[in-house]
C-alpha atoms as a PDB file:
ATOM      1  CA  UNK A   1      81.036 -20.312 -49.602  1.00  0.00           C
ATOM      2  CA  UNK A   2      79.627 -20.232 -46.090  1.00  0.00           C
ATOM      3  CA  UNK A   3      81.261 -20.280 -42.672  1.00  0.00           C
ATOM      4  CA  UNK A   4      81.135 -24.070 -42.437  1.00  0.00           C
ATOM      5  CA  UNK A   5      82.738 -24.586 -45.848  1.00  0.00           C
ATOM      6  CA  UNK A   6      85.467 -22.017 -45.190  1.00  0.00           C
ATOM      7  CA  UNK A   7      86.261 -23.564 -41.802  1.00  0.00           C
ATOM      8  CA  UNK A   8      86.532 -27.010 -43.418  1.00  0.00           C
ATOM      9  CA  UNK A   9      88.843 -25.648 -46.129  1.00  0.00           C
ATOM     10  CA  UNK A  10      91.158 -23.993 -43.612  1.00  0.00           C
ATOM     11  CA  UNK A  11      91.192 -27.087 -41.413  1.00  0.00           C
ATOM     12  CA  UNK A  12      92.127 -29.300 -44.358  1.00  0.00           C
ATOM     13  CA  UNK A  13      94.921 -26.908 -45.241  1.00  0.00           C
ATOM     14  CA  UNK A  14      96.164 -26.854 -41.641  1.00  0.00           C
ATOM     15  CA  UNK A  15      96.148 -30.657 -41.379  1.00  0.00           C
ATOM     16  CA  UNK A  16      97.911 -31.094 -44.720  1.00  0.00           C
ATOM     17  CA  UNK A  17      94.997 -32.756 -46.497  1.00  0.00           C
ATOM     18  CA  UNK A  18      95.284 -30.160 -49.275  1.00  0.00           C
ATOM     19  CA  UNK A  19      98.142 -27.938 -50.352  1.00  0.00           C
ATOM     20  CA  UNK A  20      98.193 -24.169 -50.761  1.00  0.00           C
ATOM     21  CA  UNK A  21      97.654 -24.346 -54.524  1.00  0.00           C
ATOM     22  CA  UNK A  22      94.474 -26.382 -54.112  1.00  0.00           C
ATOM     23  CA  UNK A  23      93.215 -24.008 -51.420  1.00  0.00           C
ATOM     24  CA  UNK A  24      93.902 -21.057 -53.712  1.00  0.00           C
ATOM     25  CA  UNK A  25      92.042 -22.800 -56.548  1.00  0.00           C
ATOM     26  CA  UNK A  26      88.976 -23.198 -54.360  1.00  0.00           C
ATOM     27  CA  UNK A  27      89.185 -19.552 -53.305  1.00  0.00           C
ATOM     28  CA  UNK A  28      89.762 -18.324 -56.849  1.00  0.00           C
ATOM     29  CA  UNK A  29      86.226 -16.989 -57.290  1.00  0.00           C
ATOM     30  CA  UNK A  30      86.039 -15.594 -53.765  1.00  0.00           C
ATOM     31  CA  UNK A  31      84.294 -13.238 -53.160  1.00  0.00           C
ATOM     32  CA  UNK A  32      82.453 -13.144 -56.542  1.00  0.00           C
ATOM     33  CA  UNK A  33      82.418 -14.791 -59.940  1.00  0.00           C
ATOM     34  CA  UNK A  34      82.029 -12.739 -63.129  1.00  0.00           C
ATOM     35  CA  UNK A  35      79.871 -14.467 -65.760  1.00  0.00           C
ATOM     36  CA  UNK A  36      79.699 -11.422 -67.995  1.00  0.00           C
ATOM     37  CA  UNK A  37      75.943 -10.999 -67.601  1.00  0.00           C
ATOM     38  CA  UNK A  38      76.036 -11.558 -63.822  1.00  0.00           C
ATOM     39  CA  UNK A  39      78.462 -11.313 -60.923  1.00  0.00           C
ATOM     40  CA  UNK A  40      77.680 -14.088 -58.459  1.00  0.00           C
ATOM     41  CA  UNK A  41      78.194 -13.075 -54.857  1.00  0.00           C
ATOM     42  CA  UNK A  42      79.815 -16.210 -53.402  1.00  0.00           C
ATOM     43  CA  UNK A  43      80.685 -14.223 -50.280  1.00  0.00           C
ATOM     44  CA  UNK A  44      77.032 -13.694 -49.341  1.00  0.00           C
ATOM     45  CA  UNK A  45      76.589 -16.898 -47.340  1.00  0.00           C
ATOM     46  CA  UNK A  46      79.559 -15.893 -45.207  1.00  0.00           C
ATOM     47  CA  UNK A  47      78.154 -12.387 -44.652  1.00  0.00           C
ATOM     48  CA  UNK A  48      74.439 -13.148 -44.439  1.00  0.00           C
ATOM     49  CA  UNK A  49      74.182 -16.803 -43.469  1.00  0.00           C
ATOM     50  CA  UNK A  50      72.539 -17.848 -46.764  1.00  0.00           C
ATOM     51  CA  UNK A  51      73.784 -17.809 -50.376  1.00  0.00           C
ATOM     52  CA  UNK A  52      72.663 -15.381 -53.051  1.00  0.00           C
ATOM     53  CA  UNK A  53      69.100 -16.159 -54.148  1.00  0.00           C
ATOM     54  CA  UNK A  54      68.325 -16.334 -57.867  1.00  0.00           C
ATOM     55  CA  UNK A  55      65.448 -14.139 -59.062  1.00  0.00           C
ATOM     56  CA  UNK A  56      64.659 -15.825 -62.391  1.00  0.00           C
ATOM     57  CA  UNK A  57      62.055 -13.391 -63.663  1.00  0.00           C
ATOM     58  CA  UNK A  58      63.563 -11.213 -66.391  1.00  0.00           C
ATOM     59  CA  UNK A  59      66.471 -13.582 -66.991  1.00  0.00           C
ATOM     60  CA  UNK A  60      66.653 -15.990 -69.907  1.00  0.00           C
ATOM     61  CA  UNK A  61      66.237 -19.686 -69.176  1.00  0.00           C
ATOM     62  CA  UNK A  62      69.901 -20.274 -69.987  1.00  0.00           C
ATOM     63  CA  UNK A  63      71.050 -17.485 -67.657  1.00  0.00           C
ATOM     64  CA  UNK A  64      68.894 -18.735 -64.778  1.00  0.00           C
ATOM     65  CA  UNK A  65      70.056 -22.327 -65.187  1.00  0.00           C
ATOM     66  CA  UNK A  66      73.741 -21.390 -65.383  1.00  0.00           C
ATOM     67  CA  UNK A  67      73.547 -19.172 -62.300  1.00  0.00           C
ATOM     68  CA  UNK A  68      71.759 -21.878 -60.312  1.00  0.00           C
ATOM     69  CA  UNK A  69      74.344 -24.490 -61.294  1.00  0.00           C
ATOM     70  CA  UNK A  70      77.241 -22.212 -60.346  1.00  0.00           C
ATOM     71  CA  UNK A  71      75.693 -21.488 -56.951  1.00  0.00           C
ATOM     72  CA  UNK A  72      75.014 -25.176 -56.318  1.00  0.00           C
ATOM     73  CA  UNK A  73      78.668 -25.988 -57.004  1.00  0.00           C
ATOM     74  CA  UNK A  74      79.686 -23.704 -54.121  1.00  0.00           C
ATOM     75  CA  UNK A  75      76.833 -24.014 -51.607  1.00  0.00           C
ATOM     76  CA  UNK A  76      74.883 -26.668 -49.721  1.00  0.00           C
ATOM     77  CA  UNK A  77      71.509 -24.937 -50.107  1.00  0.00           C
ATOM     78  CA  UNK A  78      70.211 -22.864 -53.033  1.00  0.00           C
ATOM     79  CA  UNK A  79      66.934 -21.044 -53.670  1.00  0.00           C
ATOM     80  CA  UNK A  80      65.583 -19.685 -56.949  1.00  0.00           C
ATOM     81  CA  UNK A  81      62.378 -17.639 -57.073  1.00  0.00           C
ATOM     82  CA  UNK A  82      59.921 -16.789 -59.881  1.00  0.00           C
ATOM     83  CA  UNK A  83      61.264 -19.781 -61.815  1.00  0.00           C
ATOM     84  CA  UNK A  84      59.396 -21.327 -64.737  1.00  0.00           C
ATOM     85  CA  UNK A  85      58.864 -25.056 -65.218  1.00  0.00           C
ATOM     86  CA  UNK A  86      61.253 -24.873 -68.172  1.00  0.00           C
ATOM     87  CA  UNK A  87      64.034 -23.626 -65.901  1.00  0.00           C
ATOM     88  CA  UNK A  88      63.297 -26.369 -63.383  1.00  0.00           C
ATOM     89  CA  UNK A  89      63.292 -29.127 -66.017  1.00  0.00           C
ATOM     90  CA  UNK A  90      66.736 -28.085 -67.204  1.00  0.00           C
ATOM     91  CA  UNK A  91      68.064 -27.795 -63.642  1.00  0.00           C
ATOM     92  CA  UNK A  92      66.689 -31.114 -62.387  1.00  0.00           C
ATOM     93  CA  UNK A  93      68.163 -33.009 -65.332  1.00  0.00           C
ATOM     94  CA  UNK A  94      71.623 -32.223 -63.918  1.00  0.00           C
ATOM     95  CA  UNK A  95      70.733 -31.763 -60.238  1.00  0.00           C
ATOM     96  CA  UNK A  96      68.275 -34.482 -59.154  1.00  0.00           C
ATOM     97  CA  UNK A  97      67.999 -32.982 -55.644  1.00  0.00           C
ATOM     98  CA  UNK A  98      66.191 -29.966 -57.095  1.00  0.00           C
ATOM     99  CA  UNK A  99      62.566 -29.574 -56.007  1.00  0.00           C
ATOM    100  CA  UNK A 100      59.941 -27.366 -57.651  1.00  0.00           C
ATOM    101  CA  UNK A 101      56.940 -25.754 -55.996  1.00  0.00           C
ATOM    102  CA  UNK A 102      54.708 -24.990 -58.961  1.00  0.00           C
ATOM    103  CA  UNK A 103      52.409 -22.696 -57.008  1.00  0.00           C
ATOM    104  CA  UNK A 104      55.252 -20.647 -55.498  1.00  0.00           C
ATOM    105  CA  UNK A 105      57.404 -20.907 -58.656  1.00  0.00           C
ATOM    106  CA  UNK A 106      60.428 -21.703 -56.517  1.00  0.00           C
ATOM    107  CA  UNK A 107      63.298 -24.127 -56.989  1.00  0.00           C
ATOM    108  CA  UNK A 108      64.998 -25.362 -53.833  1.00  0.00           C
ATOM    109  CA  UNK A 109      68.147 -27.488 -53.707  1.00  0.00           C
ATOM    110  CA  UNK A 110      69.605 -29.028 -50.550  1.00  0.00           C
ATOM    111  CA  UNK A 111      72.776 -31.110 -50.680  1.00  0.00           C
ATOM    112  CA  UNK A 112      72.798 -31.696 -46.923  1.00  0.00           C
ATOM    113  CA  UNK A 113      70.095 -32.118 -44.248  1.00  0.00           C
ATOM    114  CA  UNK A 114      68.448 -28.946 -43.004  1.00  0.00           C
ATOM    115  CA  UNK A 115      68.139 -28.364 -39.270  1.00  0.00           C
ATOM    116  CA  UNK A 116      64.787 -26.702 -38.635  1.00  0.00           C
ATOM    117  CA  UNK A 117      64.440 -24.391 -35.625  1.00  0.00           C
ATOM    118  CA  UNK A 118      61.782 -22.178 -34.093  1.00  0.00           C
ATOM    119  CA  UNK A 119      58.264 -21.793 -35.407  1.00  0.00           C
ATOM    120  CA  UNK A 120      57.041 -19.582 -38.245  1.00  0.00           C
ATOM    121  CA  UNK A 121      53.404 -19.585 -39.294  1.00  0.00           C
ATOM    122  CA  UNK A 122      52.343 -18.290 -42.710  1.00  0.00           C
ATOM    123  CA  UNK A 123      48.734 -17.097 -42.854  1.00  0.00           C
ATOM    124  CA  UNK A 124      46.848 -16.178 -46.013  1.00  0.00           C
ATOM    125  CA  UNK A 125      43.645 -14.164 -46.248  1.00  0.00           C
ATOM    126  CA  UNK A 126      42.364 -16.005 -49.316  1.00  0.00           C
ATOM    127  CA  UNK A 127      43.143 -18.914 -51.611  1.00  0.00           C
ATOM    128  CA  UNK A 128      44.140 -16.472 -54.362  1.00  0.00           C
ATOM    129  CA  UNK A 129      47.005 -15.297 -52.116  1.00  0.00           C
ATOM    130  CA  UNK A 130      48.576 -18.768 -51.954  1.00  0.00           C
ATOM    131  CA  UNK A 131      51.316 -18.272 -54.599  1.00  0.00           C
ATOM    132  CA  UNK A 132      52.849 -15.497 -52.489  1.00  0.00           C
ATOM    133  CA  UNK A 133      52.249 -17.360 -49.233  1.00  0.00           C
ATOM    134  CA  UNK A 134      53.947 -20.450 -50.646  1.00  0.00           C
ATOM    135  CA  UNK A 135      56.940 -18.366 -51.783  1.00  0.00           C
ATOM    136  CA  UNK A 136      57.304 -17.231 -48.167  1.00  0.00           C
ATOM    137  CA  UNK A 137      56.995 -20.826 -46.948  1.00  0.00           C
ATOM    138  CA  UNK A 138      59.636 -22.187 -49.327  1.00  0.00           C
ATOM    139  CA  UNK A 139      62.009 -19.351 -48.462  1.00  0.00           C
ATOM    140  CA  UNK A 140      61.688 -19.933 -44.732  1.00  0.00           C
ATOM    141  CA  UNK A 141      62.007 -23.708 -45.081  1.00  0.00           C
ATOM    142  CA  UNK A 142      65.226 -23.697 -47.116  1.00  0.00           C
ATOM    143  CA  UNK A 143      66.707 -21.283 -44.578  1.00  0.00           C
ATOM    144  CA  UNK A 144      66.188 -23.748 -41.744  1.00  0.00           C
ATOM    145  CA  UNK A 145      62.915 -22.838 -40.074  1.00  0.00           C
ATOM    146  CA  UNK A 146      59.992 -24.963 -38.964  1.00  0.00           C
ATOM    147  CA  UNK A 147      57.026 -23.556 -40.927  1.00  0.00           C
ATOM    148  CA  UNK A 148      53.299 -24.042 -40.447  1.00  0.00           C
ATOM    149  CA  UNK A 149      50.603 -23.064 -42.955  1.00  0.00           C
ATOM    150  CA  UNK A 150      47.212 -21.534 -42.153  1.00  0.00           C
ATOM    151  CA  UNK A 151      45.304 -20.538 -45.294  1.00  0.00           C
ATOM    152  CA  UNK A 152      42.023 -18.837 -46.220  1.00  0.00           C
ATOM    153  CA  UNK A 153      41.290 -17.128 -42.893  1.00  0.00           C
ATOM    154  CA  UNK A 154      40.658 -13.579 -44.099  1.00  0.00           C
ATOM    155  CA  UNK A 155      38.589 -10.930 -42.350  1.00  0.00           C
ATOM    156  CA  UNK A 156      35.467 -11.616 -44.450  1.00  0.00           C
ATOM    157  CA  UNK A 157      34.992 -14.626 -42.164  1.00  0.00           C
ATOM    158  CA  UNK A 158      36.771 -13.573 -38.989  1.00  0.00           C
ATOM    159  CA  UNK A 159      35.593 -16.662 -37.072  1.00  0.00           C
ATOM    160  CA  UNK A 160      37.945 -18.761 -39.208  1.00  0.00           C
ATOM    161  CA  UNK A 161      40.909 -16.775 -37.892  1.00  0.00           C
ATOM    162  CA  UNK A 162      39.721 -16.732 -34.290  1.00  0.00           C
ATOM    163  CA  UNK A 163      39.171 -20.497 -34.320  1.00  0.00           C
ATOM    164  CA  UNK A 164      42.920 -20.853 -34.988  1.00  0.00           C
ATOM    165  CA  UNK A 165      44.151 -18.174 -32.605  1.00  0.00           C
ATOM    166  CA  UNK A 166      45.831 -20.665 -30.272  1.00  0.00           C
ATOM    167  CA  UNK A 167      47.879 -22.070 -33.183  1.00  0.00           C
ATOM    168  CA  UNK A 168      48.883 -18.579 -34.270  1.00  0.00           C
ATOM    169  CA  UNK A 169      49.985 -17.520 -30.788  1.00  0.00           C
ATOM    170  CA  UNK A 170      52.337 -20.510 -30.516  1.00  0.00           C
ATOM    171  CA  UNK A 171      54.471 -19.242 -33.409  1.00  0.00           C
ATOM    172  CA  UNK A 172      57.648 -17.213 -32.891  1.00  0.00           C
ATOM    173  CA  UNK A 173      57.121 -15.162 -36.057  1.00  0.00           C
ATOM    174  CA  UNK A 174      53.953 -14.646 -38.101  1.00  0.00           C
ATOM    175  CA  UNK A 175      53.687 -13.861 -41.813  1.00  0.00           C
ATOM    176  CA  UNK A 176      50.256 -12.560 -42.864  1.00  0.00           C
ATOM    177  CA  UNK A 177      49.554 -12.448 -46.609  1.00  0.00           C
ATOM    178  CA  UNK A 178      46.557 -10.526 -47.936  1.00  0.00           C
ATOM    179  CA  UNK A 179      45.247  -8.847 -51.071  1.00  0.00           C
ATOM    180  CA  UNK A 180      41.992  -6.936 -51.538  1.00  0.00           C
ATOM    181  CA  UNK A 181      41.969  -4.278 -48.758  1.00  0.00           C
ATOM    182  CA  UNK A 182      44.842  -5.968 -46.880  1.00  0.00           C
ATOM    183  CA  UNK A 183      43.312  -5.876 -43.399  1.00  0.00           C
ATOM    184  CA  UNK A 184      44.452  -9.299 -42.157  1.00  0.00           C
ATOM    185  CA  UNK A 185      47.952  -8.347 -40.859  1.00  0.00           C
ATOM    186  CA  UNK A 186      46.532  -5.518 -38.704  1.00  0.00           C
ATOM    187  CA  UNK A 187      43.966  -7.837 -37.162  1.00  0.00           C
ATOM    188  CA  UNK A 188      46.535 -10.557 -36.487  1.00  0.00           C
ATOM    189  CA  UNK A 189      49.058  -8.127 -35.006  1.00  0.00           C
ATOM    190  CA  UNK A 190      46.402  -6.846 -32.607  1.00  0.00           C
ATOM    191  CA  UNK A 191      45.870 -10.349 -31.209  1.00  0.00           C
ATOM    192  CA  UNK A 192      49.437 -11.578 -30.605  1.00  0.00           C
ATOM    193  CA  UNK A 193      52.656 -10.594 -28.814  1.00  0.00           C
ATOM    194  CA  UNK A 194      54.917 -11.864 -31.629  1.00  0.00           C
ATOM    195  CA  UNK A 195      56.385  -9.985 -34.617  1.00  0.00           C
ATOM    196  CA  UNK A 196      54.042  -9.939 -37.611  1.00  0.00           C
ATOM    197  CA  UNK A 197      55.226  -9.426 -41.189  1.00  0.00           C
ATOM    198  CA  UNK A 198      52.551  -8.200 -43.571  1.00  0.00           C
ATOM    199  CA  UNK A 199      52.684  -9.105 -47.251  1.00  0.00           C
ATOM    200  CA  UNK A 200      50.319  -7.217 -49.562  1.00  0.00           C
ATOM    201  CA  UNK A 201      49.409  -9.074 -52.742  1.00  0.00           C
ATOM    202  CA  UNK A 202      48.233  -7.812 -56.105  1.00  0.00           C
ATOM    203  CA  UNK A 203      45.016  -9.838 -55.739  1.00  0.00           C
ATOM    204  CA  UNK A 204      41.902  -7.659 -55.957  1.00  0.00           C
ATOM    205  CA  UNK A 205      39.533  -5.648 -58.101  1.00  0.00           C
ATOM    206  CA  UNK A 206      40.274  -2.323 -59.793  1.00  0.00           C
ATOM    207  CA  UNK A 207      40.584  -0.089 -56.741  1.00  0.00           C
ATOM    208  CA  UNK A 208      43.082  -2.551 -55.304  1.00  0.00           C
ATOM    209  CA  UNK A 209      45.504  -0.975 -57.827  1.00  0.00           C
ATOM    210  CA  UNK A 210      47.435  -4.252 -58.137  1.00  0.00           C
ATOM    211  CA  UNK A 211      48.229  -4.381 -54.454  1.00  0.00           C
ATOM    212  CA  UNK A 212      48.806  -0.701 -53.774  1.00  0.00           C
ATOM    213  CA  UNK A 213      45.674  -0.314 -51.639  1.00  0.00           C
ATOM    214  CA  UNK A 214      46.615  -3.382 -49.575  1.00  0.00           C
ATOM    215  CA  UNK A 215      50.144  -2.016 -49.148  1.00  0.00           C
ATOM    216  CA  UNK A 216      48.857   1.380 -47.963  1.00  0.00           C
ATOM    217  CA  UNK A 217      46.418  -0.274 -45.563  1.00  0.00           C
ATOM    218  CA  UNK A 218      49.234  -2.230 -43.939  1.00  0.00           C
ATOM    219  CA  UNK A 219      51.594   0.753 -43.825  1.00  0.00           C
ATOM    220  CA  UNK A 220      48.870   2.852 -42.174  1.00  0.00           C
ATOM    221  CA  UNK A 221      48.048   0.259 -39.545  1.00  0.00           C
ATOM    222  CA  UNK A 222      47.741   1.539 -35.976  1.00  0.00           C
ATOM    223  CA  UNK A 223      48.627  -1.915 -34.602  1.00  0.00           C
ATOM    224  CA  UNK A 224      52.179  -2.033 -33.175  1.00  0.00           C
ATOM    225  CA  UNK A 225      54.480  -4.936 -33.951  1.00  0.00           C
ATOM    226  CA  UNK A 226      53.650  -5.053 -37.660  1.00  0.00           C
ATOM    227  CA  UNK A 227      56.306  -4.707 -40.373  1.00  0.00           C
ATOM    228  CA  UNK A 228      55.455  -4.660 -44.081  1.00  0.00           C
ATOM    229  CA  UNK A 229      57.318  -5.847 -47.176  1.00  0.00           C
ATOM    230  CA  UNK A 230      56.659  -4.944 -50.800  1.00  0.00           C
ATOM    231  CA  UNK A 231      53.723  -6.100 -52.923  1.00  0.00           C
ATOM    232  CA  UNK A 232      53.871  -9.842 -53.735  1.00  0.00           C
ATOM    233  CA  UNK A 233      57.225 -10.153 -51.941  1.00  0.00           C
ATOM    234  CA  UNK A 234      56.772 -13.511 -50.249  1.00  0.00           C
ATOM    235  CA  UNK A 235      60.511 -14.074 -50.511  1.00  0.00           C
ATOM    236  CA  UNK A 236      61.308 -10.915 -48.555  1.00  0.00           C
ATOM    237  CA  UNK A 237      58.856 -11.884 -45.831  1.00  0.00           C
ATOM    238  CA  UNK A 238      60.239 -15.413 -45.556  1.00  0.00           C
ATOM    239  CA  UNK A 239      63.808 -14.123 -45.391  1.00  0.00           C
ATOM    240  CA  UNK A 240      63.037 -11.536 -42.707  1.00  0.00           C
ATOM    241  CA  UNK A 241      61.031 -14.039 -40.677  1.00  0.00           C
ATOM    242  CA  UNK A 242      63.971 -16.445 -40.834  1.00  0.00           C
ATOM    243  CA  UNK A 243      66.385 -13.811 -39.532  1.00  0.00           C
ATOM    244  CA  UNK A 244      64.064 -12.970 -36.623  1.00  0.00           C
ATOM    245  CA  UNK A 245      63.431 -16.638 -35.894  1.00  0.00           C
ATOM    246  CA  UNK A 246      67.126 -17.491 -35.785  1.00  0.00           C
ATOM    247  CA  UNK A 247      67.828 -14.624 -33.379  1.00  0.00           C
ATOM    248  CA  UNK A 248      65.067 -15.896 -31.121  1.00  0.00           C
ATOM    249  CA  UNK A 249      66.363 -19.452 -31.459  1.00  0.00           C
ATOM    250  CA  UNK A 250      69.938 -18.639 -30.427  1.00  0.00           C
END
């Protein structure tokens, strides 16, 4: 339940369109719903502006599908991350609005039009970083942000990045995704006056330590204006970028 839905419920009660018992029935699972294996936080949209997001990895297919369906019944927009095609196939059979990004492994469901504001650009160092970049894109999109993609512009060919500098500087928030040594976010942050969110990926050879070297590079950056999320956390970057973008857009 979000602010809009709660306002509509209270207005209907005030105008006599529903009675107290019906209002209580709708509020029965507020603020959370206990499924035994999960407690769904239906209060989150009211607190945070967006419903609880389903992290499917580690859950059974049945658990993921049930949680998604329960959230859809109470919210206009729902996001599930690290979702398999099997989960999507079961969801879309009952919810035709569901959309799957195979590369990002995300399921997005919108029951009402999304109003896009601001300008977020998601930059990737290499093509191998695209799954994480696309997770950031899908997260930012479902949360109501205009998102632009700029891929394969890593520091091994710096001219590719510089050729697109004007596009990058037009954005309100920048997400820079990089594996290997993870230098891209530092370079980008040194060229712009906008907040940059660095996302280290687990892409790289042995000394990359599955993203640890990229993470440490970004954390040790001397470039101001750069924040860093966890390894492969495209979702976290997209969410944070959305929060910053909506503050700027108000």
